[in-house]
Amino acid sequence: EDATKGESQSNGLIESYIGKIEAQARTMKSALERHYGPIHPRHSVLTWLVDYAAALLSRHNRGADGLTPFERSTGKPWRVRTPEFGECVWYQPLKGERSGSKLDPKFDEGIFLCIQEGTAMKWIGTGTGVHRCWTIKCKFVPYSNI
């Protein structure tokens, strides 16, 4: 059913969920700025932040029935550790993106950005761009300004 243009009350459930995503994104941006410093409002990392805020709510926010949206759609709970947005990780590049030498390291360093919706694939930011991967290992790097 089409909603009437300009009538946000007719989209109550959607508007409520958008509010939750906005609140989650504000919290995540605050944490990111605490670790890395101020972020310009038009910085491209904010696109990833909002996407990850929605993914976190989908996997961890329980509804009145006690299930998360992820559990309702898949029938099983999300059991994968979800890193903090902007957390330093080691990631294993996909097979087509790895070098052929067995002596080269299997994991590279990057910054965790998001989980691809519909899969457990992760998006990792590096100095050379954004990469997809299946496997990550979180590493503990103490923040200098805590």
N, C-alpha and C. Protein backbone atom coordinates (compact mmCIF):
# COMPACT_ATOMS: atom_id res chain seq x y z
N GLU A 1 0.84 -1.18 0.00
CA GLU A 1 0.00 0.00 0.00
C GLU A 1 0.88 1.24 0.00
N ASP A 2 0.57 2.18 -0.86
CA ASP A 2 1.36 3.41 -0.95
C ASP A 2 0.99 4.37 0.17
N ALA A 3 1.99 4.96 0.76
CA ALA A 3 1.77 5.95 1.80
C ALA A 3 1.52 7.31 1.15
N THR A 4 0.74 8.13 1.84
CA THR A 4 0.48 9.47 1.35
C THR A 4 1.72 10.33 1.50
N LYS A 5 2.07 11.06 0.46
CA LYS A 5 3.26 11.90 0.50
C LYS A 5 3.13 12.96 1.59
N GLY A 6 4.18 13.07 2.42
CA GLY A 6 4.18 14.07 3.49
C GLY A 6 3.49 13.63 4.77
N GLU A 7 2.91 12.45 4.79
CA GLU A 7 2.22 11.94 5.97
C GLU A 7 3.07 10.86 6.63
N SER A 8 4.00 11.29 7.48
CA SER A 8 4.91 10.33 8.11
C SER A 8 4.19 9.42 9.10
N GLN A 9 3.02 9.84 9.64
CA GLN A 9 2.30 9.00 10.59
C GLN A 9 1.82 7.70 9.95
N SER A 10 1.58 7.72 8.64
CA SER A 10 1.13 6.51 7.97
C SER A 10 2.25 5.48 7.84
N ASN A 11 3.48 5.90 8.06
CA ASN A 11 4.63 5.01 8.01
C ASN A 11 5.21 4.82 9.41
N GLY A 12 4.38 4.73 10.41
CA GLY A 12 4.82 4.71 11.80
C GLY A 12 5.92 3.72 12.10
N LEU A 13 5.77 2.48 11.67
CA LEU A 13 6.77 1.45 11.95
C LEU A 13 8.10 1.77 11.29
N ILE A 14 8.06 2.20 10.04
CA ILE A 14 9.28 2.55 9.32
C ILE A 14 9.94 3.77 9.94
N GLU A 15 9.14 4.80 10.25
CA GLU A 15 9.68 6.01 10.86
C GLU A 15 10.35 5.68 12.20
N SER A 16 9.76 4.78 12.96
CA SER A 16 10.33 4.37 14.25
C SER A 16 11.68 3.70 14.05
N TYR A 17 11.77 2.82 13.06
CA TYR A 17 13.03 2.12 12.79
C TYR A 17 14.10 3.08 12.28
N ILE A 18 13.69 4.06 11.46
CA ILE A 18 14.64 5.07 10.98
C ILE A 18 15.20 5.85 12.16
N GLY A 19 14.34 6.18 13.13
CA GLY A 19 14.79 6.87 14.33
C GLY A 19 15.81 6.06 15.10
N LYS A 20 15.60 4.75 15.18
CA LYS A 20 16.56 3.86 15.87
C LYS A 20 17.89 3.83 15.13
N ILE A 21 17.85 3.78 13.80
CA ILE A 21 19.08 3.78 13.01
C ILE A 21 19.82 5.10 13.20
N GLU A 22 19.09 6.21 13.19
CA GLU A 22 19.73 7.52 13.40
C GLU A 22 20.40 7.58 14.77
N ALA A 23 19.72 7.10 15.80
CA ALA A 23 20.30 7.12 17.15
C ALA A 23 21.55 6.24 17.23
N GLN A 24 21.49 5.06 16.62
CA GLN A 24 22.64 4.16 16.60
C GLN A 24 23.80 4.80 15.84
N ALA A 25 23.50 5.44 14.72
CA ALA A 25 24.56 6.09 13.92
C ALA A 25 25.19 7.24 14.70
N ARG A 26 24.40 8.02 15.42
CA ARG A 26 24.97 9.12 16.23
C ARG A 26 25.90 8.57 17.30
N THR A 27 25.49 7.49 17.95
CA THR A 27 26.34 6.88 18.98
C THR A 27 27.64 6.36 18.39
N MET A 28 27.55 5.70 17.24
CA MET A 28 28.74 5.15 16.60
C MET A 28 29.66 6.28 16.12
N LYS A 29 29.10 7.37 15.61
CA LYS A 29 29.92 8.50 15.16
C LYS A 29 30.63 9.13 16.35
N SER A 30 29.95 9.23 17.47
CA SER A 30 30.57 9.78 18.68
C SER A 30 31.75 8.92 19.12
N ALA A 31 31.57 7.60 19.11
CA ALA A 31 32.65 6.69 19.49
C ALA A 31 33.81 6.79 18.50
N LEU A 32 33.50 6.88 17.21
CA LEU A 32 34.54 6.98 16.20
C LEU A 32 35.34 8.27 16.36
N GLU A 33 34.65 9.37 16.65
CA GLU A 33 35.34 10.64 16.84
C GLU A 33 36.17 10.63 18.12
N ARG A 34 35.74 9.91 19.12
CA ARG A 34 36.53 9.80 20.34
C ARG A 34 37.86 9.10 20.07
N HIS A 35 37.86 8.17 19.15
CA HIS A 35 39.08 7.42 18.84
C HIS A 35 39.95 8.11 17.79
N TYR A 36 39.32 8.73 16.78
CA TYR A 36 40.08 9.25 15.64
C TYR A 36 40.04 10.77 15.48
N GLY A 37 39.22 11.46 16.24
CA GLY A 37 39.10 12.91 16.10
C GLY A 37 37.87 13.29 15.29
N PRO A 38 37.63 14.60 15.13
CA PRO A 38 36.42 15.08 14.44
C PRO A 38 36.32 14.55 13.01
N ILE A 39 35.08 14.28 12.60
CA ILE A 39 34.80 13.79 11.25
C ILE A 39 33.92 14.81 10.55
N HIS A 40 34.32 15.21 9.36
CA HIS A 40 33.55 16.19 8.58
C HIS A 40 32.18 15.57 8.24
N PRO A 41 31.10 16.36 8.30
CA PRO A 41 29.76 15.83 8.03
C PRO A 41 29.58 15.21 6.64
N ARG A 42 30.45 15.54 5.70
CA ARG A 42 30.35 14.96 4.35
C ARG A 42 31.41 13.89 4.07
N HIS A 43 32.07 13.43 5.11
CA HIS A 43 33.10 12.40 4.92
C HIS A 43 32.45 11.10 4.44
N SER A 44 33.11 10.41 3.52
CA SER A 44 32.54 9.19 2.93
C SER A 44 32.39 8.05 3.94
N VAL A 45 33.12 8.09 5.04
CA VAL A 45 33.02 7.01 6.02
C VAL A 45 31.63 6.99 6.67
N LEU A 46 30.93 8.12 6.67
CA LEU A 46 29.60 8.17 7.29
C LEU A 46 28.58 7.31 6.55
N THR A 47 28.76 7.12 5.25
CA THR A 47 27.88 6.23 4.49
C THR A 47 28.00 4.81 5.02
N TRP A 48 29.25 4.38 5.26
CA TRP A 48 29.48 3.04 5.80
C TRP A 48 28.93 2.94 7.22
N LEU A 49 29.07 4.01 8.00
CA LEU A 49 28.63 4.02 9.38
C LEU A 49 27.11 3.81 9.47
N VAL A 50 26.36 4.50 8.64
CA VAL A 50 24.90 4.36 8.66
C VAL A 50 24.50 2.96 8.23
N ASP A 51 25.17 2.42 7.21
CA ASP A 51 24.88 1.06 6.75
C ASP A 51 25.15 0.05 7.86
N TYR A 52 26.25 0.22 8.58
CA TYR A 52 26.58 -0.71 9.66
C TYR A 52 25.63 -0.53 10.85
N ALA A 53 25.18 0.69 11.10
CA ALA A 53 24.19 0.91 12.17
C ALA A 53 22.93 0.10 11.90
N ALA A 54 22.46 0.12 10.66
CA ALA A 54 21.28 -0.65 10.28
C ALA A 54 21.54 -2.16 10.40
N ALA A 55 22.74 -2.60 9.99
CA ALA A 55 23.08 -4.02 10.08
C ALA A 55 23.13 -4.49 11.53
N LEU A 56 23.66 -3.65 12.42
CA LEU A 56 23.71 -4.01 13.84
C LEU A 56 22.32 -4.14 14.42
N LEU A 57 21.44 -3.20 14.11
CA LEU A 57 20.07 -3.29 14.62
C LEU A 57 19.37 -4.52 14.07
N SER A 58 19.60 -4.84 12.82
CA SER A 58 18.99 -6.02 12.22
C SER A 58 19.43 -7.31 12.92
N ARG A 59 20.65 -7.33 13.40
CA ARG A 59 21.19 -8.54 14.00
C ARG A 59 21.07 -8.61 15.52
N HIS A 60 20.88 -7.46 16.18
CA HIS A 60 20.93 -7.47 17.64
C HIS A 60 19.74 -6.83 18.35
N ASN A 61 18.89 -6.09 17.67
CA ASN A 61 17.77 -5.39 18.31
C ASN A 61 16.56 -6.31 18.37
N ARG A 62 16.19 -6.74 19.56
CA ARG A 62 15.07 -7.66 19.73
C ARG A 62 13.74 -6.93 19.74
N GLY A 63 12.77 -7.52 19.07
CA GLY A 63 11.43 -6.95 19.02
C GLY A 63 10.58 -7.48 20.16
N ALA A 64 9.28 -7.16 20.12
CA ALA A 64 8.35 -7.58 21.16
C ALA A 64 8.24 -9.11 21.23
N ASP A 65 8.48 -9.79 20.13
CA ASP A 65 8.41 -11.26 20.11
C ASP A 65 9.70 -11.91 20.61
N GLY A 66 10.71 -11.10 20.98
CA GLY A 66 11.97 -11.64 21.49
C GLY A 66 12.96 -12.02 20.41
N LEU A 67 12.60 -11.78 19.14
CA LEU A 67 13.48 -12.13 18.03
C LEU A 67 14.05 -10.86 17.38
N THR A 68 15.21 -11.00 16.77
CA THR A 68 15.78 -9.91 15.99
C THR A 68 15.25 -10.02 14.56
N PRO A 69 15.31 -8.95 13.77
CA PRO A 69 14.90 -9.06 12.36
C PRO A 69 15.69 -10.16 11.62
N PHE A 70 16.97 -10.30 11.95
CA PHE A 70 17.78 -11.35 11.32
C PHE A 70 17.22 -12.72 11.65
N GLU A 71 16.84 -12.95 12.91
CA GLU A 71 16.29 -14.25 13.32
C GLU A 71 14.94 -14.51 12.65
N ARG A 72 14.14 -13.47 12.49
CA ARG A 72 12.84 -13.65 11.83
C ARG A 72 13.01 -14.05 10.37
N SER A 73 14.02 -13.49 9.69
CA SER A 73 14.18 -13.78 8.27
C SER A 73 14.96 -15.06 8.00
N THR A 74 15.86 -15.46 8.91
CA THR A 74 16.68 -16.65 8.65
C THR A 74 16.30 -17.84 9.51
N GLY A 75 15.63 -17.58 10.63
CA GLY A 75 15.26 -18.67 11.53
C GLY A 75 16.37 -19.04 12.51
N LYS A 76 17.47 -18.32 12.49
CA LYS A 76 18.58 -18.61 13.42
C LYS A 76 19.22 -17.31 13.89
N PRO A 77 19.83 -17.32 15.06
CA PRO A 77 20.46 -16.10 15.58
C PRO A 77 21.79 -15.81 14.89
N TRP A 78 22.19 -14.56 14.93
CA TRP A 78 23.49 -14.14 14.42
C TRP A 78 24.53 -14.50 15.47
N ARG A 79 25.53 -15.28 15.13
CA ARG A 79 26.52 -15.73 16.10
C ARG A 79 27.94 -15.23 15.83
N VAL A 80 28.10 -14.40 14.82
CA VAL A 80 29.41 -13.89 14.45
C VAL A 80 29.70 -12.63 15.27
N ARG A 81 30.92 -12.52 15.79
CA ARG A 81 31.29 -11.33 16.55
C ARG A 81 31.23 -10.13 15.61
N THR A 82 30.62 -9.06 16.07
CA THR A 82 30.52 -7.85 15.27
C THR A 82 31.50 -6.82 15.82
N PRO A 83 32.55 -6.52 15.08
CA PRO A 83 33.53 -5.53 15.55
C PRO A 83 32.93 -4.14 15.65
N GLU A 84 33.59 -3.30 16.39
CA GLU A 84 33.20 -1.89 16.46
C GLU A 84 33.51 -1.25 15.11
N PHE A 85 32.68 -0.30 14.72
CA PHE A 85 32.92 0.41 13.47
C PHE A 85 34.25 1.14 13.56
N GLY A 86 35.09 0.98 12.55
CA GLY A 86 36.40 1.62 12.53
C GLY A 86 37.47 0.87 13.29
N GLU A 87 37.15 -0.32 13.77
CA GLU A 87 38.12 -1.12 14.53
C GLU A 87 39.21 -1.65 13.60
N CYS A 88 40.45 -1.66 14.09
CA CYS A 88 41.56 -2.22 13.33
C CYS A 88 41.46 -3.74 13.33
N VAL A 89 41.53 -4.34 12.16
CA VAL A 89 41.42 -5.79 12.04
C VAL A 89 42.47 -6.31 11.07
N TRP A 90 42.70 -7.60 11.14
CA TRP A 90 43.42 -8.31 10.09
C TRP A 90 42.35 -8.99 9.25
N TYR A 91 42.46 -8.93 7.95
CA TYR A 91 41.48 -9.58 7.08
C TYR A 91 42.21 -10.45 6.06
N GLN A 92 41.53 -11.52 5.67
CA GLN A 92 42.08 -12.42 4.67
C GLN A 92 41.44 -12.07 3.32
N PRO A 93 42.23 -11.53 2.39
CA PRO A 93 41.67 -11.16 1.08
C PRO A 93 41.03 -12.38 0.40
N LEU A 94 40.05 -12.12 -0.44
CA LEU A 94 39.42 -13.20 -1.19
C LEU A 94 40.45 -13.89 -2.07
N LYS A 95 40.21 -15.14 -2.42
CA LYS A 95 41.21 -15.93 -3.15
C LYS A 95 41.69 -15.25 -4.43
N GLY A 96 40.83 -14.61 -5.16
CA GLY A 96 41.22 -13.95 -6.40
C GLY A 96 42.05 -12.70 -6.19
N GLU A 97 42.07 -12.18 -4.96
CA GLU A 97 42.81 -10.95 -4.68
C GLU A 97 44.12 -11.20 -3.94
N ARG A 98 44.40 -12.44 -3.57
CA ARG A 98 45.64 -12.76 -2.85
C ARG A 98 46.78 -12.96 -3.83
N SER A 99 48.00 -12.74 -3.34
CA SER A 99 49.16 -13.03 -4.18
C SER A 99 49.38 -14.54 -4.21
N GLY A 100 50.10 -15.02 -5.19
CA GLY A 100 50.28 -16.45 -5.37
C GLY A 100 51.35 -17.08 -4.50
N SER A 101 52.21 -16.29 -3.89
CA SER A 101 53.32 -16.83 -3.12
C SER A 101 52.87 -17.37 -1.76
N LYS A 102 53.35 -18.55 -1.41
CA LYS A 102 53.00 -19.15 -0.12
C LYS A 102 53.76 -18.49 1.02
N LEU A 103 54.79 -17.71 0.69
CA LEU A 103 55.57 -17.03 1.73
C LEU A 103 54.96 -15.70 2.15
N ASP A 104 54.05 -15.18 1.35
CA ASP A 104 53.40 -13.91 1.69
C ASP A 104 52.40 -14.13 2.82
N PRO A 105 52.18 -13.12 3.65
CA PRO A 105 51.20 -13.27 4.73
C PRO A 105 49.79 -13.49 4.18
N LYS A 106 48.99 -14.26 4.90
CA LYS A 106 47.62 -14.54 4.47
C LYS A 106 46.67 -13.42 4.88
N PHE A 107 47.05 -12.63 5.88
CA PHE A 107 46.18 -11.57 6.39
C PHE A 107 46.84 -10.21 6.18
N ASP A 108 46.01 -9.22 5.87
CA ASP A 108 46.44 -7.83 5.73
C ASP A 108 45.73 -7.00 6.79
N GLU A 109 46.26 -5.81 7.05
CA GLU A 109 45.64 -4.91 8.02
C GLU A 109 44.61 -4.01 7.34
N GLY A 110 43.55 -3.70 8.07
CA GLY A 110 42.54 -2.79 7.55
C GLY A 110 41.65 -2.27 8.66
N ILE A 111 40.68 -1.49 8.28
CA ILE A 111 39.71 -0.91 9.20
C ILE A 111 38.34 -1.50 8.88
N PHE A 112 37.68 -2.05 9.88
CA PHE A 112 36.37 -2.66 9.67
C PHE A 112 35.33 -1.59 9.36
N LEU A 113 34.55 -1.82 8.27
CA LEU A 113 33.53 -0.86 7.86
C LEU A 113 32.11 -1.39 7.99
N CYS A 114 31.86 -2.61 7.52
CA CYS A 114 30.47 -3.06 7.48
C CYS A 114 30.35 -4.55 7.19
N ILE A 115 29.14 -5.06 7.38
CA ILE A 115 28.78 -6.41 6.99
C ILE A 115 27.85 -6.28 5.79
N GLN A 116 28.09 -7.05 4.76
CA GLN A 116 27.23 -7.00 3.58
C GLN A 116 25.90 -7.64 3.93
N GLU A 117 24.82 -6.91 3.70
CA GLU A 117 23.49 -7.42 4.04
C GLU A 117 23.18 -8.65 3.19
N GLY A 118 22.60 -9.65 3.80
CA GLY A 118 22.25 -10.89 3.11
C GLY A 118 23.34 -11.95 3.17
N THR A 119 24.55 -11.58 3.61
CA THR A 119 25.65 -12.54 3.73
C THR A 119 26.43 -12.19 5.00
N ALA A 120 27.49 -12.94 5.23
CA ALA A 120 28.38 -12.62 6.35
C ALA A 120 29.68 -12.00 5.83
N MET A 121 29.67 -11.56 4.57
CA MET A 121 30.86 -10.94 4.00
C MET A 121 31.10 -9.58 4.66
N LYS A 122 32.36 -9.27 4.88
CA LYS A 122 32.72 -8.02 5.54
C LYS A 122 33.38 -7.07 4.55
N TRP A 123 33.24 -5.76 4.81
CA TRP A 123 33.88 -4.72 4.03
C TRP A 123 34.97 -4.11 4.88
N ILE A 124 36.17 -4.02 4.33
CA ILE A 124 37.35 -3.54 5.04
C ILE A 124 37.96 -2.37 4.27
N GLY A 125 38.27 -1.30 4.98
CA GLY A 125 38.91 -0.15 4.36
C GLY A 125 40.42 -0.22 4.54
N THR A 126 41.15 0.08 3.49
CA THR A 126 42.62 0.09 3.54
C THR A 126 43.11 1.35 2.82
N GLY A 127 44.41 1.53 2.81
CA GLY A 127 45.00 2.65 2.09
C GLY A 127 44.82 2.55 0.59
N THR A 128 44.54 1.34 0.09
CA THR A 128 44.38 1.15 -1.35
C THR A 128 42.93 1.10 -1.78
N GLY A 129 42.00 1.21 -0.85
CA GLY A 129 40.58 1.16 -1.19
C GLY A 129 39.79 0.30 -0.22
N VAL A 130 38.60 -0.10 -0.66
CA VAL A 130 37.71 -0.93 0.16
C VAL A 130 37.71 -2.33 -0.41
N HIS A 131 37.85 -3.33 0.46
CA HIS A 131 37.94 -4.72 0.04
C HIS A 131 36.88 -5.55 0.75
N ARG A 132 36.42 -6.61 0.08
CA ARG A 132 35.51 -7.56 0.69
C ARG A 132 36.31 -8.75 1.19
N CYS A 133 35.82 -9.38 2.25
CA CYS A 133 36.46 -10.59 2.73
C CYS A 133 35.46 -11.41 3.54
N TRP A 134 35.79 -12.67 3.77
CA TRP A 134 34.97 -13.53 4.62
C TRP A 134 35.55 -13.60 6.02
N THR A 135 36.86 -13.62 6.13
CA THR A 135 37.52 -13.88 7.41
C THR A 135 38.23 -12.64 7.92
N ILE A 136 37.94 -12.31 9.19
CA ILE A 136 38.67 -11.23 9.85
C ILE A 136 39.13 -11.72 11.22
N LYS A 137 40.18 -11.10 11.71
CA LYS A 137 40.66 -11.34 13.07
C LYS A 137 40.80 -9.97 13.72
N CYS A 138 40.11 -9.80 14.82
CA CYS A 138 40.20 -8.52 15.51
C CYS A 138 41.50 -8.46 16.28
N LYS A 139 42.07 -7.29 16.30
CA LYS A 139 43.30 -7.13 17.06
C LYS A 139 43.08 -6.01 18.07
N PHE A 140 43.72 -6.13 19.18
CA PHE A 140 43.57 -5.14 20.22
C PHE A 140 44.64 -4.08 20.03
N VAL A 141 44.20 -2.87 19.76
CA VAL A 141 45.11 -1.74 19.65
C VAL A 141 44.59 -0.71 20.65
N PRO A 142 45.32 -0.50 21.74
CA PRO A 142 44.83 0.47 22.73
C PRO A 142 44.75 1.86 22.12
N TYR A 143 43.64 2.53 22.37
CA TYR A 143 43.47 3.89 21.88
C TYR A 143 44.30 4.83 22.73
N SER A 144 44.94 5.77 22.11
CA SER A 144 45.86 6.65 22.83
C SER A 144 45.14 7.71 23.65
N ASN A 145 43.89 8.02 23.32
CA ASN A 145 43.21 9.11 24.03
C ASN A 145 42.14 8.62 25.01
N ILE A 146 42.26 7.42 25.50
CA ILE A 146 41.29 6.93 26.49
C ILE A 146 41.78 7.31 27.87
